[in-house]
Amino acid sequence: MRFPLILLLAVLAFSQPAMEALSGISCPAGEFRGIGVAKTETDAIAHARSMIASQIKSSISYKSESKTDMKVKDGVEHLNTSNTMQSEQKSSLLNAQDAHIRKSLAQNGYFGVVACMSRENAAKPYAARQAQTVDSLSMIAQTFPSLASPKQKKETWQKASRLYNEHLENGRVLQSLGKSQSENLEAFNFYQSVKSGYQSFCSGQKIYWQKAEGYGSNMLYSKFSGDFVLSSGECDESGLKISVLNTDIQCEYKSMLGNHLCMFKPTLKGESCAGETFFQLPLNPALSMSSKVSRSAEAKLESTIRTTDFTQWKQELKKWTSACAD
C-alpha cells in the first residue's frame, strides 16, 4: 500500500529500530491493520485509522445528476429525466473508536502506532445505516400514494432513488466484509413500490395551459410550447394547470417624465386540476418608454418580450414536471 507523502516523511524521521518494532506487530487473523507515524500520538493514531479506512472503503457519500430532455415516442413528445448516481470514497473511519491500538512507541520526537480493527466492528456502521435506509424506504412507500403535489412526488421519488442506491453501495461494502444482506429484498420491494407509483403518476400527468385574452398570453404560450408539451381541454386528476395573470401590457403617459411608459409584469400560476394553488411566480417587470405616442413605447416593449427566454419561469415549471423513471 502506498503511504501518503506526509507519512513517508515522518517514517524517515523515525528510527529504524522503532520501525522494525512496529513492522513486527501483527493483528489477529482476519483483522485490518494500520500503521501511523507523526509528531503527536493523536496524529499517529489518525494516520493508522485512515489506512484501515482505505481498506474497507469507508464513508461513502453520493452525488446525483439529473438531466431532463424531450423525446418523441410514437409521434408524441415526452419529457424524460435520467438520473446518474456517483459514489465518492473518503479515507475516514465511521467508527474510529473501534480501531484499537495494538502497539505505541515514542522515539526521536515522533510517535508510531499500530492499530487493528475486526471485520465485525468495521461492518457496524454500514449495518446500522442499512437498517436506517430500509426504514426510510418503508416510510416513503407508505406516504407516497397520498402525496398530491407533483413537486413532492418528484422530490420523494428522487429521495427514494438516492436511498436505494446508498443501500446497494453499503451492501457491497458489507458483502466484502463477509456479512449477509437479509434486508436487500425488503429494500428492493419498498423501492419498487415507490417507482411503480411514480411511473403511474407521471405517465398520466399533463401540463394544461389556460389561455387568456391579450398579447401577453399568446406570446408566452409560444415561448413555453417549445420546451414543454402543453395540453388543452379539461384538466384531469394528475394534471398541472398553468395560467398567466396580468398578461396585458399597461401603458400610460407620465407627465413628470414627459414620456409614455409601458410595463409588462405577468405572474405565472400553477395549480392542481381541483384548484389548489401550488405556486405564483411574478416576473421582474419589463419596462419601455417613448417620447412619442403610446404605441411606440408598446412596440418597443413587445420587441423586448419576444427576445426574453423566461428562464426563471421555465426552471420553476421543471420542478413541478414529473418525468417517468427508467
Protein backbone atom coordinates (compact mmCIF):
# COMPACT_ATOMS: atom_id res chain seq x y z
CA MET A 1 0.00 0.00 0.00
CA ARG A 2 1.32 3.46 -0.89
CA PHE A 3 1.98 5.79 2.03
CA PRO A 4 0.90 9.48 1.92
CA LEU A 5 3.87 11.86 1.50
CA ILE A 6 3.46 13.33 4.99
CA LEU A 7 3.54 9.83 6.44
CA LEU A 8 6.63 8.92 4.44
CA LEU A 9 8.48 11.97 5.78
CA ALA A 10 7.50 11.03 9.32
CA VAL A 11 8.61 7.44 8.75
CA LEU A 12 12.03 8.63 7.55
CA ALA A 13 12.44 10.68 10.72
CA PHE A 14 11.52 7.73 12.89
CA SER A 15 14.38 5.45 13.88
CA GLN A 16 14.96 2.21 12.02
CA PRO A 17 14.76 0.04 15.15
CA ALA A 18 11.41 1.60 16.07
CA MET A 19 10.04 0.99 12.56
CA GLU A 20 11.21 -2.60 12.68
CA ALA A 21 9.44 -2.99 16.02
CA LEU A 22 6.20 -1.65 14.55
CA SER A 23 6.54 -3.78 11.44
CA GLY A 24 6.73 -6.87 13.57
CA ILE A 25 3.44 -6.14 15.31
CA SER A 26 0.62 -8.08 13.66
CA CYS A 27 -3.15 -8.03 14.15
CA PRO A 28 -5.32 -11.05 14.91
CA ALA A 29 -6.16 -13.15 11.85
CA GLY A 30 -8.71 -11.50 9.56
CA GLU A 31 -8.44 -8.05 11.12
CA PHE A 32 -7.49 -4.85 9.32
CA ARG A 33 -4.11 -3.35 10.21
CA GLY A 34 -2.88 0.24 10.00
CA ILE A 35 0.42 1.95 10.85
CA GLY A 36 0.74 5.63 11.70
CA VAL A 37 3.77 7.84 12.44
CA ALA A 38 3.55 11.52 13.46
CA LYS A 39 4.86 14.12 15.89
CA THR A 40 1.91 13.53 18.21
CA GLU A 41 0.35 10.27 19.25
CA THR A 42 -3.09 11.59 18.29
CA ASP A 43 -1.97 12.25 14.71
CA ALA A 44 -0.22 8.89 14.53
CA ILE A 45 -3.42 7.13 15.56
CA ALA A 46 -5.36 9.16 12.98
CA HIS A 47 -2.95 8.04 10.21
CA ALA A 48 -3.28 4.40 11.27
CA ARG A 49 -7.06 4.61 11.27
CA SER A 50 -7.02 6.31 7.86
CA MET A 51 -5.01 3.39 6.49
CA ILE A 52 -7.64 0.99 7.85
CA ALA A 53 -10.43 3.13 6.40
CA SER A 54 -8.96 2.98 2.92
CA GLN A 55 -9.05 -0.80 3.14
CA ILE A 56 -12.76 -1.08 4.00
CA LYS A 57 -13.97 1.66 1.64
CA SER A 58 -15.29 3.74 4.47
CA SER A 59 -17.51 6.83 4.48
CA ILE A 60 -19.31 6.66 1.16
CA SER A 61 -21.21 9.77 0.04
CA TYR A 62 -23.35 10.31 -3.01
CA LYS A 63 -23.88 12.81 -5.80
CA SER A 64 -26.73 12.78 -8.29
CA GLU A 65 -27.01 14.47 -11.64
CA SER A 66 -30.38 14.94 -13.27
CA LYS A 67 -30.86 15.72 -16.94
CA THR A 68 -34.25 16.45 -18.47
CA ASP A 69 -34.78 16.34 -22.20
CA MET A 70 -37.54 15.92 -24.74
CA LYS A 71 -38.09 12.67 -26.57
CA VAL A 72 -40.59 11.66 -29.25
CA LYS A 73 -42.24 8.25 -28.98
CA ASP A 74 -44.96 7.07 -31.38
CA GLY A 75 -45.27 10.59 -32.70
CA VAL A 76 -45.88 12.08 -29.22
CA GLU A 77 -43.45 14.29 -27.31
CA HIS A 78 -42.44 13.18 -23.82
CA LEU A 79 -40.27 14.75 -21.17
CA ASN A 80 -37.58 12.37 -20.00
CA THR A 81 -35.35 12.57 -16.93
CA SER A 82 -32.23 10.49 -16.42
CA ASN A 83 -30.53 10.29 -13.03
CA THR A 84 -26.87 9.38 -12.69
CA MET A 85 -25.66 8.26 -9.29
CA GLN A 86 -21.97 8.54 -8.49
CA SER A 87 -20.19 7.45 -5.31
CA GLU A 88 -17.20 9.06 -3.70
CA GLN A 89 -14.96 7.28 -1.24
CA LYS A 90 -13.15 9.13 1.53
CA SER A 91 -10.48 7.78 3.86
CA SER A 92 -12.18 8.48 7.18
CA LEU A 93 -13.34 5.87 9.61
CA LEU A 94 -17.02 5.94 10.58
CA ASN A 95 -16.47 4.16 13.89
CA ALA A 96 -12.88 5.17 14.68
CA GLN A 97 -13.26 4.23 18.35
CA ASP A 98 -13.44 0.55 17.38
CA ALA A 99 -9.92 0.59 15.91
CA HIS A 100 -7.90 -0.44 18.97
CA ILE A 101 -4.23 0.41 19.45
CA ARG A 102 -2.08 -2.71 19.29
CA LYS A 103 1.28 -1.02 19.90
CA SER A 104 2.55 2.52 20.54
CA LEU A 105 6.17 3.75 20.50
CA ALA A 106 7.79 7.14 21.10
CA GLN A 107 11.28 7.92 19.74
CA ASN A 108 13.25 10.91 18.38
CA GLY A 109 10.30 13.26 18.88
CA TYR A 110 7.91 11.03 16.90
CA PHE A 111 5.16 8.62 17.80
CA GLY A 112 4.40 5.39 15.98
CA VAL A 113 1.35 3.20 16.42
CA VAL A 114 -0.16 0.02 15.03
CA ALA A 115 -3.97 -0.12 15.10
CA CYS A 116 -6.25 -3.11 14.40
CA MET A 117 -9.95 -3.46 13.62
CA SER A 118 -12.04 -6.61 13.31
CA ARG A 119 -14.33 -7.11 10.33
CA GLU A 120 -17.22 -7.29 12.78
CA ASN A 121 -16.51 -3.78 14.05
CA ALA A 122 -15.80 -2.48 10.55
CA ALA A 123 -19.27 -3.62 9.47
CA LYS A 124 -21.16 -1.99 12.36
CA PRO A 125 -21.83 1.47 10.89
CA TYR A 126 -22.79 0.04 7.50
CA ALA A 127 -25.19 -2.46 9.06
CA ALA A 128 -26.77 0.32 11.13
CA ARG A 129 -27.12 2.53 8.04
CA GLN A 130 -28.68 -0.34 6.10
CA ALA A 131 -31.40 -0.66 8.74
CA GLN A 132 -32.00 3.11 8.55
CA THR A 133 -32.34 3.12 4.75
CA VAL A 134 -34.85 0.24 4.90
CA ASP A 135 -36.92 2.15 7.50
CA SER A 136 -36.78 5.33 5.38
CA LEU A 137 -37.80 3.49 2.20
CA SER A 138 -40.65 1.83 4.10
CA MET A 139 -41.92 5.22 5.27
CA ILE A 140 -41.68 6.69 1.77
CA ALA A 141 -43.56 3.73 0.28
CA GLN A 142 -46.38 4.25 2.79
CA THR A 143 -46.73 8.03 2.31
CA PHE A 144 -46.10 8.32 -1.43
CA PRO A 145 -49.65 7.41 -2.63
CA SER A 146 -51.17 10.24 -0.54
CA LEU A 147 -48.93 12.99 -1.95
CA ALA A 148 -50.92 15.42 -4.09
CA SER A 149 -48.24 17.87 -5.21
CA PRO A 150 -46.34 16.91 -8.40
CA LYS A 151 -43.24 18.55 -6.94
CA GLN A 152 -43.50 16.48 -3.77
CA LYS A 153 -43.94 13.29 -5.77
CA LYS A 154 -40.90 14.09 -7.90
CA GLU A 155 -38.69 15.00 -4.93
CA THR A 156 -39.87 11.97 -2.93
CA TRP A 157 -39.12 9.64 -5.84
CA GLN A 158 -35.63 11.17 -6.17
CA LYS A 159 -35.08 10.69 -2.42
CA ALA A 160 -36.14 7.04 -2.67
CA SER A 161 -33.76 6.55 -5.59
CA ARG A 162 -30.85 8.05 -3.65
CA LEU A 163 -31.60 5.93 -0.59
CA TYR A 164 -31.81 2.74 -2.61
CA ASN A 165 -28.52 3.48 -4.37
CA GLU A 166 -26.92 4.08 -0.97
CA HIS A 167 -28.40 0.80 0.27
CA LEU A 168 -26.87 -1.07 -2.67
CA GLU A 169 -23.45 0.56 -2.20
CA ASN A 170 -23.39 -0.12 1.54
CA GLY A 171 -24.48 -3.67 0.77
CA ARG A 172 -21.44 -4.15 -1.45
CA VAL A 173 -19.19 -2.98 1.39
CA LEU A 174 -20.87 -5.36 3.84
CA GLN A 175 -20.62 -8.22 1.37
CA SER A 176 -16.89 -7.59 1.07
CA LEU A 177 -16.73 -7.85 4.86
CA GLY A 178 -18.45 -11.23 4.77
CA LYS A 179 -21.83 -10.05 6.05
CA SER A 180 -25.11 -11.40 4.66
CA GLN A 181 -27.80 -8.97 3.49
CA SER A 182 -31.22 -10.05 4.75
CA GLU A 183 -32.70 -6.58 4.14
CA ASN A 184 -31.95 -6.49 0.41
CA LEU A 185 -35.27 -7.94 -0.75
CA GLU A 186 -37.21 -5.76 1.67
CA ALA A 187 -35.47 -2.58 0.46
CA PHE A 188 -35.99 -3.61 -3.17
CA ASN A 189 -39.73 -4.15 -2.63
CA PHE A 190 -40.17 -0.73 -0.98
CA TYR A 191 -38.17 0.94 -3.76
CA GLN A 192 -40.17 -0.82 -6.49
CA SER A 193 -43.42 0.23 -4.82
CA VAL A 194 -42.41 3.90 -4.96
CA LYS A 195 -41.06 3.58 -8.50
CA SER A 196 -44.25 1.93 -9.72
CA GLY A 197 -46.38 4.63 -8.10
CA TYR A 198 -44.26 7.37 -9.61
CA GLN A 199 -44.38 5.83 -13.09
CA SER A 200 -48.14 5.50 -12.86
CA PHE A 201 -48.45 9.16 -11.86
CA CYS A 202 -46.00 10.64 -14.36
CA SER A 203 -47.35 8.63 -17.29
CA GLY A 204 -50.71 10.35 -16.89
CA GLN A 205 -49.55 13.82 -15.92
CA LYS A 206 -50.08 16.61 -18.44
CA ILE A 207 -49.48 20.36 -18.36
CA TYR A 208 -52.67 22.26 -19.15
CA TRP A 209 -52.16 25.80 -20.38
CA GLN A 210 -55.05 28.10 -19.59
CA LYS A 211 -55.05 30.71 -22.34
CA ALA A 212 -56.14 34.25 -21.61
CA GLU A 213 -57.02 37.18 -23.80
CA GLY A 214 -54.32 39.60 -24.81
CA TYR A 215 -50.96 39.77 -26.49
CA GLY A 216 -49.01 38.54 -23.45
CA SER A 217 -50.78 35.19 -23.09
CA ASN A 218 -50.40 34.19 -26.74
CA MET A 219 -46.75 35.25 -26.80
CA LEU A 220 -45.96 33.34 -23.60
CA TYR A 221 -47.69 30.22 -24.93
CA SER A 222 -45.32 30.24 -27.91
CA LYS A 223 -42.36 30.61 -25.54
CA PHE A 224 -43.31 27.62 -23.37
CA SER A 225 -44.59 25.29 -26.08
CA GLY A 226 -41.03 24.96 -27.39
CA ASP A 227 -39.82 23.47 -24.07
CA PHE A 228 -42.88 21.69 -22.70
CA VAL A 229 -45.73 19.60 -24.06
CA LEU A 230 -48.77 21.78 -23.37
CA SER A 231 -52.28 20.35 -23.46
CA SER A 232 -55.68 21.96 -23.81
CA GLY A 233 -59.10 20.83 -22.71
CA GLU A 234 -60.31 19.66 -19.34
CA CYS A 235 -57.64 19.10 -16.70
CA ASP A 236 -57.59 15.54 -15.37
CA GLU A 237 -56.76 14.27 -11.89
CA SER A 238 -52.95 14.20 -12.16
CA GLY A 239 -52.62 17.26 -14.38
CA LEU A 240 -50.81 20.52 -13.67
CA LYS A 241 -52.80 23.61 -14.67
CA ILE A 242 -50.76 26.64 -15.73
CA SER A 243 -52.10 30.13 -16.26
CA VAL A 244 -50.62 33.61 -16.60
CA LEU A 245 -52.07 36.52 -14.68
CA ASN A 246 -51.78 40.18 -15.71
CA THR A 247 -50.99 39.39 -19.33
CA ASP A 248 -51.82 42.83 -20.74
CA ILE A 249 -49.23 45.48 -21.47
CA GLN A 250 -50.09 48.56 -19.47
CA CYS A 251 -49.19 51.97 -20.93
CA GLU A 252 -49.71 55.48 -19.64
CA TYR A 253 -48.30 58.96 -20.07
CA LYS A 254 -46.06 60.17 -17.22
CA SER A 255 -46.08 63.94 -17.13
CA MET A 256 -43.16 64.06 -14.70
CA LEU A 257 -41.06 62.11 -17.19
CA GLY A 258 -42.53 63.66 -20.27
CA ASN A 259 -42.71 60.16 -21.75
CA HIS A 260 -45.10 57.33 -22.41
CA LEU A 261 -44.30 54.44 -20.06
CA CYS A 262 -45.30 50.84 -20.79
CA MET A 263 -45.00 47.97 -18.30
CA PHE A 264 -45.39 44.18 -18.55
CA LYS A 265 -45.49 42.36 -15.21
CA PRO A 266 -47.21 38.97 -15.52
CA THR A 267 -47.39 36.23 -12.87
CA LEU A 268 -47.09 32.50 -13.62
CA LYS A 269 -49.59 30.47 -11.62
CA GLY A 270 -49.53 26.71 -11.16
CA GLU A 271 -52.39 24.77 -9.59
CA SER A 272 -53.97 21.34 -9.39
CA CYS A 273 -56.95 20.41 -11.51
CA ALA A 274 -59.02 20.78 -8.33
CA GLY A 275 -57.90 24.39 -7.97
CA GLU A 276 -55.26 24.07 -5.23
CA THR A 277 -52.58 26.71 -5.84
CA PHE A 278 -49.08 25.27 -5.98
CA PHE A 279 -47.12 28.43 -6.80
CA GLN A 280 -47.40 32.01 -8.07
CA LEU A 281 -44.21 33.45 -9.52
CA PRO A 282 -44.22 37.10 -10.65
CA LEU A 283 -41.84 38.13 -13.39
CA ASN A 284 -39.49 41.07 -12.94
CA PRO A 285 -41.33 43.91 -14.73
CA ALA A 286 -40.28 44.76 -18.27
CA LEU A 287 -40.39 48.49 -18.97
CA SER A 288 -40.25 50.68 -22.04
CA MET A 289 -40.51 54.45 -22.58
CA SER A 290 -41.01 56.63 -25.61
CA SER A 291 -41.38 60.36 -26.08
CA LYS A 292 -43.73 59.70 -28.98
CA VAL A 293 -47.17 58.13 -28.93
CA SER A 294 -48.02 55.29 -26.55
CA ARG A 295 -47.99 52.71 -29.35
CA SER A 296 -44.31 53.40 -29.95
CA ALA A 297 -43.45 52.53 -26.35
CA GLU A 298 -45.68 49.46 -26.54
CA ALA A 299 -43.96 48.23 -29.70
CA LYS A 300 -40.57 48.59 -28.03
CA LEU A 301 -41.79 46.54 -25.07
CA GLU A 302 -43.21 43.82 -27.32
CA SER A 303 -39.83 43.54 -29.00
CA THR A 304 -38.15 43.16 -25.60
CA ILE A 305 -40.60 40.45 -24.55
CA ARG A 306 -40.10 38.47 -27.76
CA THR A 307 -36.35 38.22 -27.07
CA THR A 308 -36.81 37.17 -23.41
CA ASP A 309 -36.45 33.43 -22.71
CA PHE A 310 -38.26 33.43 -19.32
CA THR A 311 -35.61 31.14 -17.80
CA GLN A 312 -36.82 31.73 -14.23
CA TRP A 313 -40.33 30.56 -15.07
CA LYS A 314 -39.13 27.53 -17.03
CA GLN A 315 -36.86 26.44 -14.18
CA GLU A 316 -39.74 26.68 -11.73
CA LEU A 317 -42.05 24.72 -14.02
CA LYS A 318 -39.47 21.93 -14.39
CA LYS A 319 -39.59 21.42 -10.61
CA TRP A 320 -43.27 20.55 -10.94
CA THR A 321 -42.97 18.44 -14.06
CA SER A 322 -42.75 14.71 -13.41
CA ALA A 323 -40.74 12.74 -15.97
CA CYS A 324 -41.12 8.96 -15.88
CA ALA A 325 -38.36 6.87 -14.28
CA ASP A 326 -36.41 4.45 -16.43
